[in-house]
Amino acid sequence: MAMKLISKSEEKIILRAEIPVSIANAVRRSVNNIPIMAIDSLEITKNDSALYDEIIAHRMGLVQLKNEKLKMPKECGCEKEDGCGKCSMKFKLSAAGPCTVYSSDLTPKGNTVYKMPITILDKDQELEFVAIARMGTGVEHAKFSPGLIYYRYSEDLEKESDEDFKKILEESKKNEEKEITVFIESWGQMPAKEIFAEAIDVLQDELKALGKAVK
């Protein structure tokens, strides 16, 4: 199996690979089985903003959190509605206008990846809530997705005019065998290289489980 790295950053990796498309597709689909932490429930005690409670809850679910190695709820066994310290993490937010409320206003501080705007508060308006974050997978809900992996046949990239693909095209033409170009992109919860490695580990675990099931 031949692979060649084209470009690499924390957010995105591009590589060329001489691997069967079936394997690449299996790794791609395995991304949605990587455990990721995201806000799963919200208890709003005060919301004077122009946004309904449901919209605030939806926007908080999209906030990228630094991924913690917590237990999956079904594996913890604590049987608590809000979970425990091993399977959940509690966040609080209390803001008063006039101001723009950002995801970075969550306490404890330092657990959000980006400073995302949540809502705007005018004078005398307030927003208060408690959020519970849990581990989950993209199969359950898209908010638990760490990013994506996709691929294209390298020869098909010749149809593209984007300057970013020029280097890929030049490398592809040197190889007579049909190959694919793989893209790994991160939403921020973990580096792109970890997404690729975790997806492969998840796939291997699933294959082992399948092997045991058919014995």
C-alpha atoms as a PDB file:
ATOM      1  CA  MET A   1       0.000   0.000   0.000  1.00  0.00           C
ATOM      2  CA  ALA A   2       1.685   3.196  -1.231  1.00  0.00           C
ATOM      3  CA  MET A   3       0.874   6.599   0.198  1.00  0.00           C
ATOM      4  CA  LYS A   4       2.374  10.026  -0.358  1.00  0.00           C
ATOM      5  CA  LEU A   5       1.642  13.097   1.732  1.00  0.00           C
ATOM      6  CA  ILE A   6       0.750  16.176  -0.325  1.00  0.00           C
ATOM      7  CA  SER A   7      -0.035  18.707   2.407  1.00  0.00           C
ATOM      8  CA  LYS A   8      -0.572  18.661   6.157  1.00  0.00           C
ATOM      9  CA  SER A   9      -1.953  20.986   8.828  1.00  0.00           C
ATOM     10  CA  GLU A  10      -3.903  20.624  12.072  1.00  0.00           C
ATOM     11  CA  GLU A  11      -7.171  21.159  10.173  1.00  0.00           C
ATOM     12  CA  LYS A  12      -6.568  19.336   6.887  1.00  0.00           C
ATOM     13  CA  ILE A  13      -4.436  16.583   5.366  1.00  0.00           C
ATOM     14  CA  ILE A  14      -4.228  15.666   1.680  1.00  0.00           C
ATOM     15  CA  LEU A  15      -2.503  12.476   0.558  1.00  0.00           C
ATOM     16  CA  ARG A  16      -2.281  10.236  -2.488  1.00  0.00           C
ATOM     17  CA  ALA A  17      -2.899   6.532  -1.962  1.00  0.00           C
ATOM     18  CA  GLU A  18      -2.787   3.394  -4.069  1.00  0.00           C
ATOM     19  CA  ILE A  19      -5.472   1.540  -2.143  1.00  0.00           C
ATOM     20  CA  PRO A  20      -8.771  -0.081  -3.153  1.00  0.00           C
ATOM     21  CA  VAL A  21     -11.696   2.321  -3.090  1.00  0.00           C
ATOM     22  CA  SER A  22     -13.605  -0.173  -0.904  1.00  0.00           C
ATOM     23  CA  ILE A  23     -11.016   0.243   1.872  1.00  0.00           C
ATOM     24  CA  ALA A  24     -10.961   4.032   1.523  1.00  0.00           C
ATOM     25  CA  ASN A  25     -14.752   4.081   1.753  1.00  0.00           C
ATOM     26  CA  ALA A  26     -14.727   1.861   4.861  1.00  0.00           C
ATOM     27  CA  VAL A  27     -12.299   4.250   6.579  1.00  0.00           C
ATOM     28  CA  ARG A  28     -14.419   7.223   5.466  1.00  0.00           C
ATOM     29  CA  ARG A  29     -17.563   5.752   7.008  1.00  0.00           C
ATOM     30  CA  SER A  30     -15.734   4.857  10.232  1.00  0.00           C
ATOM     31  CA  VAL A  31     -15.275   8.563  11.049  1.00  0.00           C
ATOM     32  CA  ASN A  32     -18.882   8.608  12.262  1.00  0.00           C
ATOM     33  CA  ASN A  33     -18.034   6.018  14.922  1.00  0.00           C
ATOM     34  CA  ILE A  34     -15.283   8.042  16.607  1.00  0.00           C
ATOM     35  CA  PRO A  35     -16.404   9.119  20.133  1.00  0.00           C
ATOM     36  CA  ILE A  36     -16.668  12.916  20.347  1.00  0.00           C
ATOM     37  CA  MET A  37     -17.815  15.225  23.154  1.00  0.00           C
ATOM     38  CA  ALA A  38     -20.619  17.713  22.436  1.00  0.00           C
ATOM     39  CA  ILE A  39     -23.312  19.560  24.365  1.00  0.00           C
ATOM     40  CA  ASP A  40     -26.277  17.214  24.542  1.00  0.00           C
ATOM     41  CA  SER A  41     -28.748  18.964  26.867  1.00  0.00           C
ATOM     42  CA  LEU A  42     -29.466  22.486  28.024  1.00  0.00           C
ATOM     43  CA  GLU A  43     -31.421  23.853  30.999  1.00  0.00           C
ATOM     44  CA  ILE A  44     -32.208  27.499  30.275  1.00  0.00           C
ATOM     45  CA  THR A  45     -33.253  29.527  33.324  1.00  0.00           C
ATOM     46  CA  LYS A  46     -33.319  32.948  31.652  1.00  0.00           C
ATOM     47  CA  ASN A  47     -33.427  33.994  28.000  1.00  0.00           C
ATOM     48  CA  ASP A  48     -34.330  37.565  27.105  1.00  0.00           C
ATOM     49  CA  SER A  49     -32.623  37.415  23.704  1.00  0.00           C
ATOM     50  CA  ALA A  50     -34.412  37.560  20.352  1.00  0.00           C
ATOM     51  CA  LEU A  51     -33.776  33.827  19.839  1.00  0.00           C
ATOM     52  CA  TYR A  52     -36.122  31.102  21.068  1.00  0.00           C
ATOM     53  CA  ASP A  53     -34.813  28.599  23.627  1.00  0.00           C
ATOM     54  CA  GLU A  54     -34.789  25.892  20.945  1.00  0.00           C
ATOM     55  CA  ILE A  55     -32.512  27.957  18.697  1.00  0.00           C
ATOM     56  CA  ILE A  56     -30.102  28.662  21.564  1.00  0.00           C
ATOM     57  CA  ALA A  57     -30.001  24.922  22.331  1.00  0.00           C
ATOM     58  CA  HIS A  58     -29.392  24.095  18.671  1.00  0.00           C
ATOM     59  CA  ARG A  59     -26.531  26.588  18.395  1.00  0.00           C
ATOM     60  CA  MET A  60     -24.899  25.256  21.570  1.00  0.00           C
ATOM     61  CA  GLY A  61     -25.041  21.740  20.148  1.00  0.00           C
ATOM     62  CA  LEU A  62     -22.919  22.975  17.227  1.00  0.00           C
ATOM     63  CA  VAL A  63     -20.177  24.398  19.477  1.00  0.00           C
ATOM     64  CA  GLN A  64     -16.918  22.491  19.020  1.00  0.00           C
ATOM     65  CA  LEU A  65     -15.532  21.379  22.368  1.00  0.00           C
ATOM     66  CA  LYS A  66     -12.042  20.099  23.048  1.00  0.00           C
ATOM     67  CA  ASN A  67     -12.465  16.357  23.057  1.00  0.00           C
ATOM     68  CA  GLU A  68     -12.204  14.756  26.488  1.00  0.00           C
ATOM     69  CA  LYS A  69     -11.651  11.058  27.129  1.00  0.00           C
ATOM     70  CA  LEU A  70     -14.942  10.515  28.920  1.00  0.00           C
ATOM     71  CA  LYS A  71     -16.856   7.256  29.008  1.00  0.00           C
ATOM     72  CA  MET A  72     -19.763   6.753  26.654  1.00  0.00           C
ATOM     73  CA  PRO A  73     -23.056   7.081  28.616  1.00  0.00           C
ATOM     74  CA  LYS A  74     -24.031   3.461  27.914  1.00  0.00           C
ATOM     75  CA  GLU A  75     -20.645   2.248  29.202  1.00  0.00           C
ATOM     76  CA  CYS A  76     -20.593   4.269  32.445  1.00  0.00           C
ATOM     77  CA  GLY A  77     -23.327   2.572  34.427  1.00  0.00           C
ATOM     78  CA  CYS A  78     -23.895   5.562  36.734  1.00  0.00           C
ATOM     79  CA  GLU A  79     -27.589   5.653  35.695  1.00  0.00           C
ATOM     80  CA  LYS A  80     -27.791   9.371  36.511  1.00  0.00           C
ATOM     81  CA  GLU A  81     -29.937  11.569  34.259  1.00  0.00           C
ATOM     82  CA  ASP A  82     -27.194  14.189  33.923  1.00  0.00           C
ATOM     83  CA  GLY A  83     -24.407  11.630  34.073  1.00  0.00           C
ATOM     84  CA  CYS A  84     -21.403  11.785  36.371  1.00  0.00           C
ATOM     85  CA  GLY A  85     -17.854  13.118  36.207  1.00  0.00           C
ATOM     86  CA  LYS A  86     -16.772  10.030  34.284  1.00  0.00           C
ATOM     87  CA  CYS A  87     -19.312  10.321  31.456  1.00  0.00           C
ATOM     88  CA  SER A  88     -20.379  13.993  31.321  1.00  0.00           C
ATOM     89  CA  MET A  89     -19.119  17.537  31.779  1.00  0.00           C
ATOM     90  CA  LYS A  90     -21.179  20.483  33.035  1.00  0.00           C
ATOM     91  CA  PHE A  91     -20.903  23.995  31.629  1.00  0.00           C
ATOM     92  CA  LYS A  92     -22.558  27.226  32.770  1.00  0.00           C
ATOM     93  CA  LEU A  93     -23.180  30.547  31.069  1.00  0.00           C
ATOM     94  CA  SER A  94     -24.451  33.793  32.575  1.00  0.00           C
ATOM     95  CA  ALA A  95     -24.418  36.983  30.498  1.00  0.00           C
ATOM     96  CA  ALA A  96     -26.082  40.397  30.658  1.00  0.00           C
ATOM     97  CA  GLY A  97     -26.422  42.912  27.839  1.00  0.00           C
ATOM     98  CA  PRO A  98     -25.554  44.920  25.996  1.00  0.00           C
ATOM     99  CA  CYS A  99     -23.127  42.349  24.567  1.00  0.00           C
ATOM    100  CA  THR A 100     -22.585  39.545  22.089  1.00  0.00           C
ATOM    101  CA  VAL A 101     -22.621  36.150  23.774  1.00  0.00           C
ATOM    102  CA  TYR A 102     -19.887  33.809  22.542  1.00  0.00           C
ATOM    103  CA  SER A 103     -19.234  30.109  23.056  1.00  0.00           C
ATOM    104  CA  SER A 104     -16.003  31.094  24.836  1.00  0.00           C
ATOM    105  CA  ASP A 105     -18.158  32.625  27.611  1.00  0.00           C
ATOM    106  CA  LEU A 106     -18.906  29.108  28.847  1.00  0.00           C
ATOM    107  CA  THR A 107     -17.424  28.184  32.208  1.00  0.00           C
ATOM    108  CA  PRO A 108     -15.174  26.419  32.944  1.00  0.00           C
ATOM    109  CA  LYS A 109     -13.120  28.421  30.457  1.00  0.00           C
ATOM    110  CA  GLY A 110     -10.772  27.031  27.835  1.00  0.00           C
ATOM    111  CA  ASN A 111     -12.862  24.086  26.668  1.00  0.00           C
ATOM    112  CA  THR A 112     -14.173  25.571  23.411  1.00  0.00           C
ATOM    113  CA  VAL A 113     -12.206  25.349  20.171  1.00  0.00           C
ATOM    114  CA  TYR A 114     -13.512  28.509  18.498  1.00  0.00           C
ATOM    115  CA  LYS A 115     -15.104  31.759  19.639  1.00  0.00           C
ATOM    116  CA  MET A 116     -18.537  31.311  18.079  1.00  0.00           C
ATOM    117  CA  PRO A 117     -21.311  33.924  18.427  1.00  0.00           C
ATOM    118  CA  ILE A 118     -24.424  32.526  20.117  1.00  0.00           C
ATOM    119  CA  THR A 119     -26.743  35.536  20.360  1.00  0.00           C
ATOM    120  CA  ILE A 120     -26.858  39.293  20.958  1.00  0.00           C
ATOM    121  CA  LEU A 121     -28.216  40.800  24.158  1.00  0.00           C
ATOM    122  CA  ASP A 122     -29.502  44.369  24.358  1.00  0.00           C
ATOM    123  CA  LYS A 123     -29.537  46.484  27.496  1.00  0.00           C
ATOM    124  CA  ASP A 124     -31.289  44.803  30.449  1.00  0.00           C
ATOM    125  CA  GLN A 125     -31.440  41.459  28.590  1.00  0.00           C
ATOM    126  CA  GLU A 126     -29.916  38.343  30.155  1.00  0.00           C
ATOM    127  CA  LEU A 127     -29.100  34.755  29.225  1.00  0.00           C
ATOM    128  CA  GLU A 128     -28.455  31.993  31.746  1.00  0.00           C
ATOM    129  CA  PHE A 129     -28.253  28.250  31.293  1.00  0.00           C
ATOM    130  CA  VAL A 130     -26.534  25.044  32.361  1.00  0.00           C
ATOM    131  CA  ALA A 131     -25.279  22.717  29.624  1.00  0.00           C
ATOM    132  CA  ILE A 132     -24.370  19.037  29.864  1.00  0.00           C
ATOM    133  CA  ALA A 133     -21.804  17.651  27.413  1.00  0.00           C
ATOM    134  CA  ARG A 134     -21.518  13.941  26.710  1.00  0.00           C
ATOM    135  CA  MET A 135     -19.641  11.602  24.411  1.00  0.00           C
ATOM    136  CA  GLY A 136     -21.382  10.335  21.293  1.00  0.00           C
ATOM    137  CA  THR A 137     -20.804   9.355  17.670  1.00  0.00           C
ATOM    138  CA  GLY A 138     -21.797  10.862  14.356  1.00  0.00           C
ATOM    139  CA  VAL A 139     -24.041   7.855  13.755  1.00  0.00           C
ATOM    140  CA  GLU A 140     -26.252   9.152  16.591  1.00  0.00           C
ATOM    141  CA  HIS A 141     -26.140  12.856  15.654  1.00  0.00           C
ATOM    142  CA  ALA A 142     -24.047  15.090  13.378  1.00  0.00           C
ATOM    143  CA  LYS A 143     -22.964  17.250  16.354  1.00  0.00           C
ATOM    144  CA  PHE A 144     -20.749  14.353  17.466  1.00  0.00           C
ATOM    145  CA  SER A 145     -18.863  14.308  14.148  1.00  0.00           C
ATOM    146  CA  PRO A 146     -15.134  15.264  14.383  1.00  0.00           C
ATOM    147  CA  GLY A 147     -14.774  16.040  10.680  1.00  0.00           C
ATOM    148  CA  LEU A 148     -14.845  14.134   7.433  1.00  0.00           C
ATOM    149  CA  ILE A 149     -12.781  12.018   5.081  1.00  0.00           C
ATOM    150  CA  TYR A 150     -13.473  12.018   1.373  1.00  0.00           C
ATOM    151  CA  TYR A 151     -11.571  10.987  -1.743  1.00  0.00           C
ATOM    152  CA  ARG A 152     -11.502  11.365  -5.490  1.00  0.00           C
ATOM    153  CA  TYR A 153      -9.658   9.630  -8.299  1.00  0.00           C
ATOM    154  CA  SER A 154      -6.515  11.685  -8.805  1.00  0.00           C
ATOM    155  CA  GLU A 155      -7.028  11.792 -12.562  1.00  0.00           C
ATOM    156  CA  ASP A 156     -10.442  13.417 -12.084  1.00  0.00           C
ATOM    157  CA  LEU A 157      -8.804  16.375 -10.369  1.00  0.00           C
ATOM    158  CA  GLU A 158      -7.541  17.506 -13.782  1.00  0.00           C
ATOM    159  CA  LYS A 159     -10.997  18.941 -14.320  1.00  0.00           C
ATOM    160  CA  GLU A 160     -10.476  21.318 -11.422  1.00  0.00           C
ATOM    161  CA  SER A 161      -9.153  24.846 -11.901  1.00  0.00           C
ATOM    162  CA  ASP A 162      -8.425  25.538  -8.226  1.00  0.00           C
ATOM    163  CA  GLU A 163      -4.795  26.516  -7.655  1.00  0.00           C
ATOM    164  CA  ASP A 164      -4.639  24.282  -4.574  1.00  0.00           C
ATOM    165  CA  PHE A 165      -4.811  21.162  -6.782  1.00  0.00           C
ATOM    166  CA  LYS A 166      -1.885  21.991  -9.104  1.00  0.00           C
ATOM    167  CA  LYS A 167       0.685  20.168  -7.030  1.00  0.00           C
ATOM    168  CA  ILE A 168      -1.591  17.138  -6.703  1.00  0.00           C
ATOM    169  CA  LEU A 169      -2.099  17.018 -10.469  1.00  0.00           C
ATOM    170  CA  GLU A 170       1.603  17.156 -11.209  1.00  0.00           C
ATOM    171  CA  GLU A 171       2.299  14.277  -8.817  1.00  0.00           C
ATOM    172  CA  SER A 172      -0.609  12.224 -10.153  1.00  0.00           C
ATOM    173  CA  LYS A 173       0.599  12.421 -13.765  1.00  0.00           C
ATOM    174  CA  LYS A 174       3.918  10.837 -12.774  1.00  0.00           C
ATOM    175  CA  ASN A 175       2.146   7.655 -11.754  1.00  0.00           C
ATOM    176  CA  GLU A 176       0.563   5.526 -14.464  1.00  0.00           C
ATOM    177  CA  GLU A 177      -1.554   3.499 -12.064  1.00  0.00           C
ATOM    178  CA  LYS A 178      -4.979   4.766 -11.109  1.00  0.00           C
ATOM    179  CA  GLU A 179      -4.885   6.213  -7.633  1.00  0.00           C
ATOM    180  CA  ILE A 180      -7.063   8.199  -5.279  1.00  0.00           C
ATOM    181  CA  THR A 181      -6.448  11.469  -3.472  1.00  0.00           C
ATOM    182  CA  VAL A 182      -7.713  11.423   0.104  1.00  0.00           C
ATOM    183  CA  PHE A 183      -8.777  14.528   2.038  1.00  0.00           C
ATOM    184  CA  ILE A 184      -9.084  14.524   5.845  1.00  0.00           C
ATOM    185  CA  GLU A 185     -10.711  17.639   7.333  1.00  0.00           C
ATOM    186  CA  SER A 186     -11.232  18.422  11.028  1.00  0.00           C
ATOM    187  CA  TRP A 187     -14.005  20.496  12.617  1.00  0.00           C
ATOM    188  CA  GLY A 188     -11.600  21.328  15.456  1.00  0.00           C
ATOM    189  CA  GLN A 189     -12.269  18.782  18.202  1.00  0.00           C
ATOM    190  CA  MET A 190      -9.156  16.796  17.235  1.00  0.00           C
ATOM    191  CA  PRO A 191      -6.347  17.196  14.677  1.00  0.00           C
ATOM    192  CA  ALA A 192      -6.908  15.770  11.192  1.00  0.00           C
ATOM    193  CA  LYS A 193      -4.153  13.175  11.684  1.00  0.00           C
ATOM    194  CA  GLU A 194      -5.936  11.841  14.788  1.00  0.00           C
ATOM    195  CA  ILE A 195      -9.214  11.563  12.876  1.00  0.00           C
ATOM    196  CA  PHE A 196      -7.485   9.390  10.271  1.00  0.00           C
ATOM    197  CA  ALA A 197      -5.802   7.200  12.907  1.00  0.00           C
ATOM    198  CA  GLU A 198      -8.965   6.883  15.037  1.00  0.00           C
ATOM    199  CA  ALA A 199     -11.071   5.964  11.985  1.00  0.00           C
ATOM    200  CA  ILE A 200      -8.657   3.138  11.152  1.00  0.00           C
ATOM    201  CA  ASP A 201      -8.698   1.925  14.788  1.00  0.00           C
ATOM    202  CA  VAL A 202     -12.518   1.951  14.827  1.00  0.00           C
ATOM    203  CA  LEU A 203     -12.624  -0.035  11.588  1.00  0.00           C
ATOM    204  CA  GLN A 204     -10.177  -2.608  12.952  1.00  0.00           C
ATOM    205  CA  ASP A 205     -12.263  -3.019  16.117  1.00  0.00           C
ATOM    206  CA  GLU A 206     -15.416  -3.519  14.044  1.00  0.00           C
ATOM    207  CA  LEU A 207     -13.702  -6.146  11.888  1.00  0.00           C
ATOM    208  CA  LYS A 208     -12.501  -7.988  15.011  1.00  0.00           C
ATOM    209  CA  ALA A 209     -16.039  -7.929  16.428  1.00  0.00           C
ATOM    210  CA  LEU A 210     -17.379  -9.241  13.113  1.00  0.00           C
ATOM    211  CA  GLY A 211     -14.784 -12.021  13.101  1.00  0.00           C
ATOM    212  CA  LYS A 212     -15.834 -13.141  16.583  1.00  0.00           C
ATOM    213  CA  ALA A 213     -19.528 -13.004  15.630  1.00  0.00           C
ATOM    214  CA  VAL A 214     -19.146 -15.340  12.653  1.00  0.00           C
ATOM    215  CA  LYS A 215     -17.067 -17.944  14.475  1.00  0.00           C
END
